[in-house]
PDB file of all heavy atoms in Angstrom:
ATOM      1  N   ALA A   1      -6.750   7.292   2.660  1.00  0.00           N
ATOM      2  CA  ALA A   1      -7.529   6.052   2.932  1.00  0.00           C
ATOM      3  C   ALA A   1      -6.690   5.035   3.716  1.00  0.00           C
ATOM      4  O   ALA A   1      -7.202   4.373   4.636  1.00  0.00           O
ATOM      5  CB  ALA A   1      -7.988   5.440   1.607  1.00  0.00           C
ATOM      6  N   ILE A   2      -5.407   4.936   3.374  1.00  0.00           N
ATOM      7  CA  ILE A   2      -4.502   4.045   4.095  1.00  0.00           C
ATOM      8  C   ILE A   2      -4.439   4.415   5.558  1.00  0.00           C
ATOM      9  O   ILE A   2      -4.540   3.565   6.467  1.00  0.00           O
ATOM     10  CB  ILE A   2      -3.113   4.072   3.435  1.00  0.00           C
ATOM     11  CG1 ILE A   2      -3.140   3.400   2.067  1.00  0.00           C
ATOM     12  CG2 ILE A   2      -2.081   3.385   4.348  1.00  0.00           C
ATOM     13  CD1 ILE A   2      -1.941   3.678   1.219  1.00  0.00           C
ATOM     14  N   GLU A   3      -4.260   5.706   5.825  1.00  0.00           N
ATOM     15  CA  GLU A   3      -4.169   6.159   7.210  1.00  0.00           C
ATOM     16  C   GLU A   3      -5.473   5.899   7.974  1.00  0.00           C
ATOM     17  O   GLU A   3      -5.461   5.520   9.156  1.00  0.00           O
ATOM     18  CB  GLU A   3      -3.821   7.651   7.250  1.00  0.00           C
ATOM     19  CG  GLU A   3      -2.397   7.941   6.805  1.00  0.00           C
ATOM     20  CD  GLU A   3      -1.375   7.324   7.736  1.00  0.00           C
ATOM     21  OE1 GLU A   3      -1.145   7.894   8.808  1.00  0.00           O
ATOM     22  OE2 GLU A   3      -0.824   6.251   7.389  1.00  0.00           O
ATOM     23  N   ALA A   4      -6.610   6.104   7.305  1.00  0.00           N
ATOM     24  CA  ALA A   4      -7.890   5.830   7.954  1.00  0.00           C
ATOM     25  C   ALA A   4      -8.037   4.353   8.311  1.00  0.00           C
ATOM     26  O   ALA A   4      -8.499   4.011   9.402  1.00  0.00           O
ATOM     27  CB  ALA A   4      -9.024   6.259   7.038  1.00  0.00           C
ATOM     28  N   CYS A   5      -7.592   3.465   7.401  1.00  0.00           N
ATOM     29  CA  CYS A   5      -7.678   2.042   7.662  1.00  0.00           C
ATOM     30  C   CYS A   5      -6.729   1.645   8.794  1.00  0.00           C
ATOM     31  O   CYS A   5      -7.071   0.769   9.625  1.00  0.00           O
ATOM     32  CB  CYS A   5      -7.351   1.245   6.401  1.00  0.00           C
ATOM     33  SG  CYS A   5      -8.606   1.360   5.113  1.00  0.00           S
ATOM     34  N   ARG A   6      -5.565   2.235   8.832  1.00  0.00           N
ATOM     35  CA  ARG A   6      -4.603   1.908   9.891  1.00  0.00           C
ATOM     36  C   ARG A   6      -5.134   2.219  11.273  1.00  0.00           C
ATOM     37  O   ARG A   6      -4.824   1.521  12.238  1.00  0.00           O
ATOM     38  CB  ARG A   6      -3.301   2.671   9.651  1.00  0.00           C
ATOM     39  CG  ARG A   6      -2.400   2.076   8.585  1.00  0.00           C
ATOM     40  CD  ARG A   6      -1.238   2.990   8.286  1.00  0.00           C
ATOM     41  NE  ARG A   6      -0.267   2.354   7.421  1.00  0.00           N
ATOM     42  CZ  ARG A   6       0.692   2.993   6.754  1.00  0.00           C
ATOM     43  NH1 ARG A   6       0.812   4.307   6.882  1.00  0.00           N
ATOM     44  NH2 ARG A   6       1.536   2.351   5.975  1.00  0.00           N
ATOM     45  N   ARG A   7      -5.955   3.225  11.364  1.00  0.00           N
ATOM     46  CA  ARG A   7      -6.509   3.584  12.667  1.00  0.00           C
ATOM     47  C   ARG A   7      -7.486   2.520  13.206  1.00  0.00           C
ATOM     48  O   ARG A   7      -7.883   2.569  14.373  1.00  0.00           O
ATOM     49  CB  ARG A   7      -7.169   4.958  12.602  1.00  0.00           C
ATOM     50  CG  ARG A   7      -6.157   6.109  12.483  1.00  0.00           C
ATOM     51  CD  ARG A   7      -6.810   7.459  12.714  1.00  0.00           C
ATOM     52  NE  ARG A   7      -7.603   7.879  11.587  1.00  0.00           N
ATOM     53  CZ  ARG A   7      -7.143   8.568  10.546  1.00  0.00           C
ATOM     54  NH1 ARG A   7      -5.859   8.877  10.493  1.00  0.00           N
ATOM     55  NH2 ARG A   7      -7.968   8.946   9.548  1.00  0.00           N
ATOM     56  N   THR A   8      -7.884   1.598  12.348  1.00  0.00           N
ATOM     57  CA  THR A   8      -8.729   0.493  12.803  1.00  0.00           C
ATOM     58  C   THR A   8      -7.876  -0.681  13.303  1.00  0.00           C
ATOM     59  O   THR A   8      -8.424  -1.688  13.766  1.00  0.00           O
ATOM     60  CB  THR A   8      -9.597  -0.033  11.651  1.00  0.00           C
ATOM     61  OG1 THR A   8      -8.787  -0.685  10.662  1.00  0.00           O
ATOM     62  CG2 THR A   8     -10.408   1.115  11.023  1.00  0.00           C
ATOM     63  N   ASP A   9      -6.544  -0.554  13.227  1.00  0.00           N
ATOM     64  CA  ASP A   9      -5.606  -1.605  13.596  1.00  0.00           C
ATOM     65  C   ASP A   9      -5.665  -2.828  12.667  1.00  0.00           C
ATOM     66  O   ASP A   9      -5.222  -3.920  13.048  1.00  0.00           O
ATOM     67  CB  ASP A   9      -5.808  -2.062  15.066  1.00  0.00           C
ATOM     68  CG  ASP A   9      -5.431  -0.971  16.051  1.00  0.00           C
ATOM     69  OD1 ASP A   9      -4.510  -0.208  15.761  1.00  0.00           O
ATOM     70  OD2 ASP A   9      -6.090  -0.893  17.111  1.00  0.00           O
ATOM     71  N   VAL A  10      -6.223  -2.644  11.485  1.00  0.00           N
ATOM     72  CA  VAL A  10      -6.233  -3.721  10.477  1.00  0.00           C
ATOM     73  C   VAL A  10      -5.046  -3.489   9.560  1.00  0.00           C
ATOM     74  O   VAL A  10      -4.904  -2.386   8.976  1.00  0.00           O
ATOM     75  CB  VAL A  10      -7.536  -3.722   9.679  1.00  0.00           C
ATOM     76  CG1 VAL A  10      -7.459  -4.738   8.538  1.00  0.00           C
ATOM     77  CG2 VAL A  10      -8.726  -4.030  10.588  1.00  0.00           C
ATOM     78  N   PRO A  11      -4.143  -4.465   9.381  1.00  0.00           N
ATOM     79  CA  PRO A  11      -2.999  -4.281   8.482  1.00  0.00           C
ATOM     80  C   PRO A  11      -3.464  -3.961   7.056  1.00  0.00           C
ATOM     81  O   PRO A  11      -4.475  -4.484   6.572  1.00  0.00           O
ATOM     82  CB  PRO A  11      -2.292  -5.633   8.541  1.00  0.00           C
ATOM     83  CG  PRO A  11      -2.698  -6.223   9.853  1.00  0.00           C
ATOM     84  CD  PRO A  11      -4.123  -5.763  10.069  1.00  0.00           C
ATOM     85  N   VAL A  12      -2.684  -3.117   6.380  1.00  0.00           N
ATOM     86  CA  VAL A  12      -3.033  -2.655   5.028  1.00  0.00           C
ATOM     87  C   VAL A  12      -1.996  -3.166   4.033  1.00  0.00           C
ATOM     88  O   VAL A  12      -0.793  -3.065   4.264  1.00  0.00           O
ATOM     89  CB  VAL A  12      -3.104  -1.123   4.969  1.00  0.00           C
ATOM     90  CG1 VAL A  12      -3.488  -0.669   3.559  1.00  0.00           C
ATOM     91  CG2 VAL A  12      -4.102  -0.585   5.982  1.00  0.00           C
ATOM     92  N   LEU A  13      -2.504  -3.705   2.912  1.00  0.00           N
ATOM     93  CA  LEU A  13      -1.662  -4.126   1.804  1.00  0.00           C
ATOM     94  C   LEU A  13      -2.205  -3.440   0.568  1.00  0.00           C
ATOM     95  O   LEU A  13      -3.435  -3.382   0.370  1.00  0.00           O
ATOM     96  CB  LEU A  13      -1.712  -5.644   1.644  1.00  0.00           C
ATOM     97  CG  LEU A  13      -0.923  -6.270   0.497  1.00  0.00           C
ATOM     98  CD1 LEU A  13       0.579  -6.022   0.659  1.00  0.00           C
ATOM     99  CD2 LEU A  13      -1.200  -7.785   0.412  1.00  0.00           C
ATOM    100  N   VAL A  14      -1.324  -2.915  -0.275  1.00  0.00           N
ATOM    101  CA  VAL A  14      -1.786  -2.216  -1.474  1.00  0.00           C
ATOM    102  C   VAL A  14      -1.231  -2.848  -2.744  1.00  0.00           C
ATOM    103  O   VAL A  14      -0.224  -3.585  -2.701  1.00  0.00           O
ATOM    104  CB  VAL A  14      -1.409  -0.711  -1.453  1.00  0.00           C
ATOM    105  CG1 VAL A  14      -2.013  -0.030  -0.240  1.00  0.00           C
ATOM    106  CG2 VAL A  14       0.118  -0.530  -1.480  1.00  0.00           C
ATOM    107  N   GLY A  15      -1.889  -2.557  -3.850  1.00  0.00           N
ATOM    108  CA  GLY A  15      -1.426  -3.048  -5.146  1.00  0.00           C
ATOM    109  C   GLY A  15      -2.028  -2.224  -6.272  1.00  0.00           C
ATOM    110  O   GLY A  15      -2.941  -1.422  -6.046  1.00  0.00           O
ATOM    111  N   GLY A  16      -1.509  -2.440  -7.453  1.00  0.00           N
ATOM    112  CA  GLY A  16      -1.999  -1.710  -8.616  1.00  0.00           C
ATOM    113  C   GLY A  16      -0.934  -0.787  -9.183  1.00  0.00           C
ATOM    114  O   GLY A  16      -0.011  -0.375  -8.494  1.00  0.00           O
ATOM    115  N   ARG A  17      -1.137  -0.440 -10.462  1.00  0.00           N
ATOM    116  CA  ARG A  17      -0.166   0.422 -11.147  1.00  0.00           C
ATOM    117  C   ARG A  17      -0.060   1.807 -10.533  1.00  0.00           C
ATOM    118  O   ARG A  17       0.925   2.497 -10.738  1.00  0.00           O
ATOM    119  CB  ARG A  17      -0.558   0.541 -12.616  1.00  0.00           C
ATOM    120  CG  ARG A  17      -0.429  -0.734 -13.429  1.00  0.00           C
ATOM    121  CD  ARG A  17      -0.756  -0.534 -14.879  1.00  0.00           C
ATOM    122  NE  ARG A  17      -0.610  -1.727 -15.672  1.00  0.00           N
ATOM    123  CZ  ARG A  17      -0.817  -1.800 -16.964  1.00  0.00           C
ATOM    124  NH1 ARG A  17      -1.176  -0.719 -17.638  1.00  0.00           N
ATOM    125  NH2 ARG A  17      -0.656  -2.938 -17.623  1.00  0.00           N
ATOM    126  N   GLY A  18      -1.067   2.202  -9.796  1.00  0.00           N
ATOM    127  CA  GLY A  18      -1.031   3.514  -9.162  1.00  0.00           C
ATOM    128  C   GLY A  18       0.109   3.657  -8.185  1.00  0.00           C
ATOM    129  O   GLY A  18       0.541   4.787  -7.882  1.00  0.00           O
ATOM    130  N   PHE A  19       0.614   2.548  -7.664  1.00  0.00           N
ATOM    131  CA  PHE A  19       1.722   2.607  -6.700  1.00  0.00           C
ATOM    132  C   PHE A  19       3.070   2.363  -7.369  1.00  0.00           C
ATOM    133  O   PHE A  19       4.101   2.267  -6.679  1.00  0.00           O
ATOM    134  CB  PHE A  19       1.519   1.577  -5.588  1.00  0.00           C
ATOM    135  CG  PHE A  19       0.301   1.870  -4.722  1.00  0.00           C
ATOM    136  CD1 PHE A  19      -0.892   1.216  -4.934  1.00  0.00           C
ATOM    137  CD2 PHE A  19       0.385   2.835  -3.733  1.00  0.00           C
ATOM    138  CE1 PHE A  19      -1.982   1.488  -4.147  1.00  0.00           C
ATOM    139  CE2 PHE A  19      -0.713   3.108  -2.947  1.00  0.00           C
ATOM    140  CZ  PHE A  19      -1.919   2.450  -3.148  1.00  0.00           C
ATOM    141  N   GLY A  20       3.080   2.316  -8.713  1.00  0.00           N
ATOM    142  CA  GLY A  20       4.320   2.039  -9.445  1.00  0.00           C
ATOM    143  C   GLY A  20       4.467   0.542  -9.673  1.00  0.00           C
ATOM    144  O   GLY A  20       4.097  -0.268  -8.800  1.00  0.00           O
ATOM    145  N   SER A  21       4.991   0.169 -10.806  1.00  0.00           N
ATOM    146  CA  SER A  21       5.145  -1.261 -11.130  1.00  0.00           C
ATOM    147  C   SER A  21       6.023  -1.981 -10.128  1.00  0.00           C
ATOM    148  O   SER A  21       5.880  -3.180  -9.896  1.00  0.00           O
ATOM    149  CB  SER A  21       5.717  -1.427 -12.543  1.00  0.00           C
ATOM    150  OG  SER A  21       7.007  -0.787 -12.649  1.00  0.00           O
ATOM    151  N   ASP A  22       6.949  -1.250  -9.521  1.00  0.00           N
ATOM    152  CA  ASP A  22       7.840  -1.821  -8.518  1.00  0.00           C
ATOM    153  C   ASP A  22       7.426  -1.449  -7.098  1.00  0.00           C
ATOM    154  O   ASP A  22       8.152  -1.748  -6.134  1.00  0.00           O
ATOM    155  CB  ASP A  22       9.276  -1.358  -8.756  1.00  0.00           C
ATOM    156  CG  ASP A  22       9.412   0.166  -8.776  1.00  0.00           C
ATOM    157  OD1 ASP A  22       8.366   0.866  -8.619  1.00  0.00           O
ATOM    158  OD2 ASP A  22      10.559   0.661  -8.957  1.00  0.00           O
ATOM    159  N   GLY A  23       6.296  -0.787  -6.942  1.00  0.00           N
ATOM    160  CA  GLY A  23       5.812  -0.422  -5.621  1.00  0.00           C
ATOM    161  C   GLY A  23       6.539   0.734  -4.960  1.00  0.00           C
ATOM    162  O   GLY A  23       6.419   0.971  -3.775  1.00  0.00           O
ATOM    163  N   ARG A  24       7.286   1.521  -5.762  1.00  0.00           N
ATOM    164  CA  ARG A  24       8.118   2.545  -5.146  1.00  0.00           C
ATOM    165  C   ARG A  24       7.286   3.643  -4.460  1.00  0.00           C
ATOM    166  O   ARG A  24       7.757   4.227  -3.465  1.00  0.00           O
ATOM    167  CB  ARG A  24       9.052   3.188  -6.193  1.00  0.00           C
ATOM    168  CG  ARG A  24       8.401   3.875  -7.361  1.00  0.00           C
ATOM    169  CD  ARG A  24       9.464   4.260  -8.410  1.00  0.00           C
ATOM    170  NE  ARG A  24       8.964   4.950  -9.565  1.00  0.00           N
ATOM    171  CZ  ARG A  24       8.405   4.338 -10.602  1.00  0.00           C
ATOM    172  NH1 ARG A  24       8.268   3.025 -10.597  1.00  0.00           N
ATOM    173  NH2 ARG A  24       8.000   5.041 -11.659  1.00  0.00           N
ATOM    174  N   TRP A  25       6.113   3.912  -4.959  1.00  0.00           N
ATOM    175  CA  TRP A  25       5.293   4.939  -4.298  1.00  0.00           C
ATOM    176  C   TRP A  25       4.570   4.384  -3.087  1.00  0.00           C
ATOM    177  O   TRP A  25       4.226   5.126  -2.174  1.00  0.00           O
ATOM    178  CB  TRP A  25       4.354   5.589  -5.303  1.00  0.00           C
ATOM    179  CG  TRP A  25       5.128   6.264  -6.390  1.00  0.00           C
ATOM    180  CD1 TRP A  25       6.238   7.043  -6.244  1.00  0.00           C
ATOM    181  CD2 TRP A  25       4.882   6.161  -7.799  1.00  0.00           C
ATOM    182  NE1 TRP A  25       6.700   7.438  -7.475  1.00  0.00           N
ATOM    183  CE2 TRP A  25       5.908   6.934  -8.450  1.00  0.00           C
ATOM    184  CE3 TRP A  25       3.926   5.536  -8.573  1.00  0.00           C
ATOM    185  CZ2 TRP A  25       5.971   7.056  -9.833  1.00  0.00           C
ATOM    186  CZ3 TRP A  25       4.002   5.671  -9.969  1.00  0.00           C
ATOM    187  CH2 TRP A  25       5.001   6.427 -10.562  1.00  0.00           C
ATOM    188  N   ALA A  26       4.367   3.081  -3.029  1.00  0.00           N
ATOM    189  CA  ALA A  26       3.857   2.466  -1.804  1.00  0.00           C
ATOM    190  C   ALA A  26       4.909   2.581  -0.715  1.00  0.00           C
ATOM    191  O   ALA A  26       4.608   2.903   0.442  1.00  0.00           O
ATOM    192  CB  ALA A  26       3.512   0.994  -2.045  1.00  0.00           C
ATOM    193  N   THR A  27       6.181   2.342  -1.089  1.00  0.00           N
ATOM    194  CA  THR A  27       7.277   2.512  -0.136  1.00  0.00           C
ATOM    195  C   THR A  27       7.334   3.953   0.370  1.00  0.00           C
ATOM    196  O   THR A  27       7.557   4.198   1.556  1.00  0.00           O
ATOM    197  CB  THR A  27       8.629   2.142  -0.809  1.00  0.00           C
ATOM    198  OG1 THR A  27       8.572   0.771  -1.250  1.00  0.00           O
ATOM    199  CG2 THR A  27       9.785   2.314   0.175  1.00  0.00           C
ATOM    200  N   LYS A  28       7.138   4.894  -0.547  1.00  0.00           N
ATOM    201  CA  LYS A  28       7.136   6.299  -0.173  1.00  0.00           C
ATOM    202  C   LYS A  28       6.057   6.613   0.854  1.00  0.00           C
ATOM    203  O   LYS A  28       6.226   7.452   1.756  1.00  0.00           O
ATOM    204  CB  LYS A  28       6.908   7.158  -1.426  1.00  0.00           C
ATOM    205  CG  LYS A  28       7.246   8.620  -1.261  1.00  0.00           C
ATOM    206  CD  LYS A  28       8.722   8.865  -1.432  1.00  0.00           C
ATOM    207  CE  LYS A  28       9.048  10.348  -1.463  1.00  0.00           C
ATOM    208  NZ  LYS A  28      10.472  10.599  -1.747  1.00  0.00           N
ATOM    209  N   LEU A  29       4.901   5.908   0.732  1.00  0.00           N
ATOM    210  CA  LEU A  29       3.782   6.124   1.635  1.00  0.00           C
ATOM    211  C   LEU A  29       3.855   5.206   2.865  1.00  0.00           C
ATOM    212  O   LEU A  29       2.984   5.254   3.718  1.00  0.00           O
ATOM    213  CB  LEU A  29       2.465   5.889   0.909  1.00  0.00           C
ATOM    214  CG  LEU A  29       2.189   6.806  -0.296  1.00  0.00           C
ATOM    215  CD1 LEU A  29       0.823   6.477  -0.906  1.00  0.00           C
ATOM    216  CD2 LEU A  29       2.259   8.279   0.106  1.00  0.00           C
ATOM    217  N   GLY A  30       4.907   4.384   2.931  1.00  0.00           N
ATOM    218  CA  GLY A  30       5.101   3.545   4.126  1.00  0.00           C
ATOM    219  C   GLY A  30       4.123   2.428   4.270  1.00  0.00           C
ATOM    220  O   GLY A  30       3.728   2.076   5.401  1.00  0.00           O
ATOM    221  N   VAL A  31       3.721   1.812   3.140  1.00  0.00           N
ATOM    222  CA  VAL A  31       2.718   0.728   3.220  1.00  0.00           C
ATOM    223  C   VAL A  31       3.219  -0.461   2.423  1.00  0.00           C
ATOM    224  O   VAL A  31       3.940  -0.320   1.444  1.00  0.00           O
ATOM    225  CB  VAL A  31       1.362   1.234   2.669  1.00  0.00           C
ATOM    226  CG1 VAL A  31       1.454   1.601   1.209  1.00  0.00           C
ATOM    227  CG2 VAL A  31       0.249   0.224   2.919  1.00  0.00           C
ATOM    228  N   ALA A  32       2.840  -1.669   2.866  1.00  0.00           N
ATOM    229  CA  ALA A  32       3.251  -2.896   2.189  1.00  0.00           C
ATOM    230  C   ALA A  32       2.606  -2.986   0.813  1.00  0.00           C
ATOM    231  O   ALA A  32       1.464  -2.590   0.611  1.00  0.00           O
ATOM    232  CB  ALA A  32       2.856  -4.112   3.029  1.00  0.00           C
ATOM    233  N   PHE A  33       3.369  -3.534  -0.140  1.00  0.00           N
ATOM    234  CA  PHE A  33       2.951  -3.600  -1.538  1.00  0.00           C
ATOM    235  C   PHE A  33       3.085  -5.011  -2.078  1.00  0.00           C
ATOM    236  O   PHE A  33       4.048  -5.710  -1.735  1.00  0.00           O
ATOM    237  CB  PHE A  33       3.809  -2.632  -2.379  1.00  0.00           C
ATOM    238  CG  PHE A  33       3.581  -2.743  -3.869  1.00  0.00           C
ATOM    239  CD1 PHE A  33       2.515  -2.100  -4.479  1.00  0.00           C
ATOM    240  CD2 PHE A  33       4.465  -3.485  -4.683  1.00  0.00           C
ATOM    241  CE1 PHE A  33       2.322  -2.187  -5.851  1.00  0.00           C
ATOM    242  CE2 PHE A  33       4.256  -3.581  -6.050  1.00  0.00           C
ATOM    243  CZ  PHE A  33       3.190  -2.916  -6.635  1.00  0.00           C
ATOM    244  N   ALA A  34       2.107  -5.420  -2.885  1.00  0.00           N
ATOM    245  CA  ALA A  34       2.200  -6.708  -3.600  1.00  0.00           C
ATOM    246  C   ALA A  34       1.999  -6.433  -5.075  1.00  0.00           C
ATOM    247  O   ALA A  34       1.035  -5.792  -5.458  1.00  0.00           O
ATOM    248  CB  ALA A  34       1.150  -7.681  -3.097  1.00  0.00           C
ATOM    249  N   ARG A  35       2.909  -6.921  -5.907  1.00  0.00           N
ATOM    250  CA  ARG A  35       2.870  -6.625  -7.335  1.00  0.00           C
ATOM    251  C   ARG A  35       1.811  -7.424  -8.080  1.00  0.00           C
ATOM    252  O   ARG A  35       1.405  -7.086  -9.184  1.00  0.00           O
ATOM    253  CB  ARG A  35       4.225  -6.815  -7.980  1.00  0.00           C
ATOM    254  CG  ARG A  35       4.729  -8.239  -8.028  1.00  0.00           C
ATOM    255  CD  ARG A  35       6.131  -8.299  -8.632  1.00  0.00           C
ATOM    256  NE  ARG A  35       6.182  -7.653  -9.930  1.00  0.00           N
ATOM    257  CZ  ARG A  35       5.912  -8.261 -11.067  1.00  0.00           C
ATOM    258  NH1 ARG A  35       5.542  -9.534 -11.078  1.00  0.00           N
ATOM    259  NH2 ARG A  35       6.001  -7.633 -12.207  1.00  0.00           N
ATOM    260  N   ASP A  36       1.374  -8.565  -7.490  1.00  0.00           N
ATOM    261  CA  ASP A  36       0.326  -9.362  -8.145  1.00  0.00           C
ATOM    262  C   ASP A  36      -0.387 -10.201  -7.102  1.00  0.00           C
ATOM    263  O   ASP A  36      -0.061 -10.144  -5.883  1.00  0.00           O
ATOM    264  CB  ASP A  36       0.929 -10.241  -9.255  1.00  0.00           C
ATOM    265  CG  ASP A  36       2.073 -11.132  -8.766  1.00  0.00           C
ATOM    266  OD1 ASP A  36       2.055 -11.551  -7.586  1.00  0.00           O
ATOM    267  OD2 ASP A  36       2.970 -11.460  -9.559  1.00  0.00           O
ATOM    268  N   ALA A  37      -1.336 -11.011  -7.556  1.00  0.00           N
ATOM    269  CA  ALA A  37      -2.169 -11.792  -6.636  1.00  0.00           C
ATOM    270  C   ALA A  37      -1.376 -12.825  -5.882  1.00  0.00           C
ATOM    271  O   ALA A  37      -1.583 -13.036  -4.659  1.00  0.00           O
ATOM    272  CB  ALA A  37      -3.293 -12.450  -7.416  1.00  0.00           C
TER     273      ALA A  37
END
């Protein structure tokens, strides 16, 4: 889904426990992460 959104040239930011509390799996996927609102 991230890659599909990137092809629209819209920047992507992710969040949620699915990416790890510290965002380590967001880093693994090469996408910006925010831990809270």
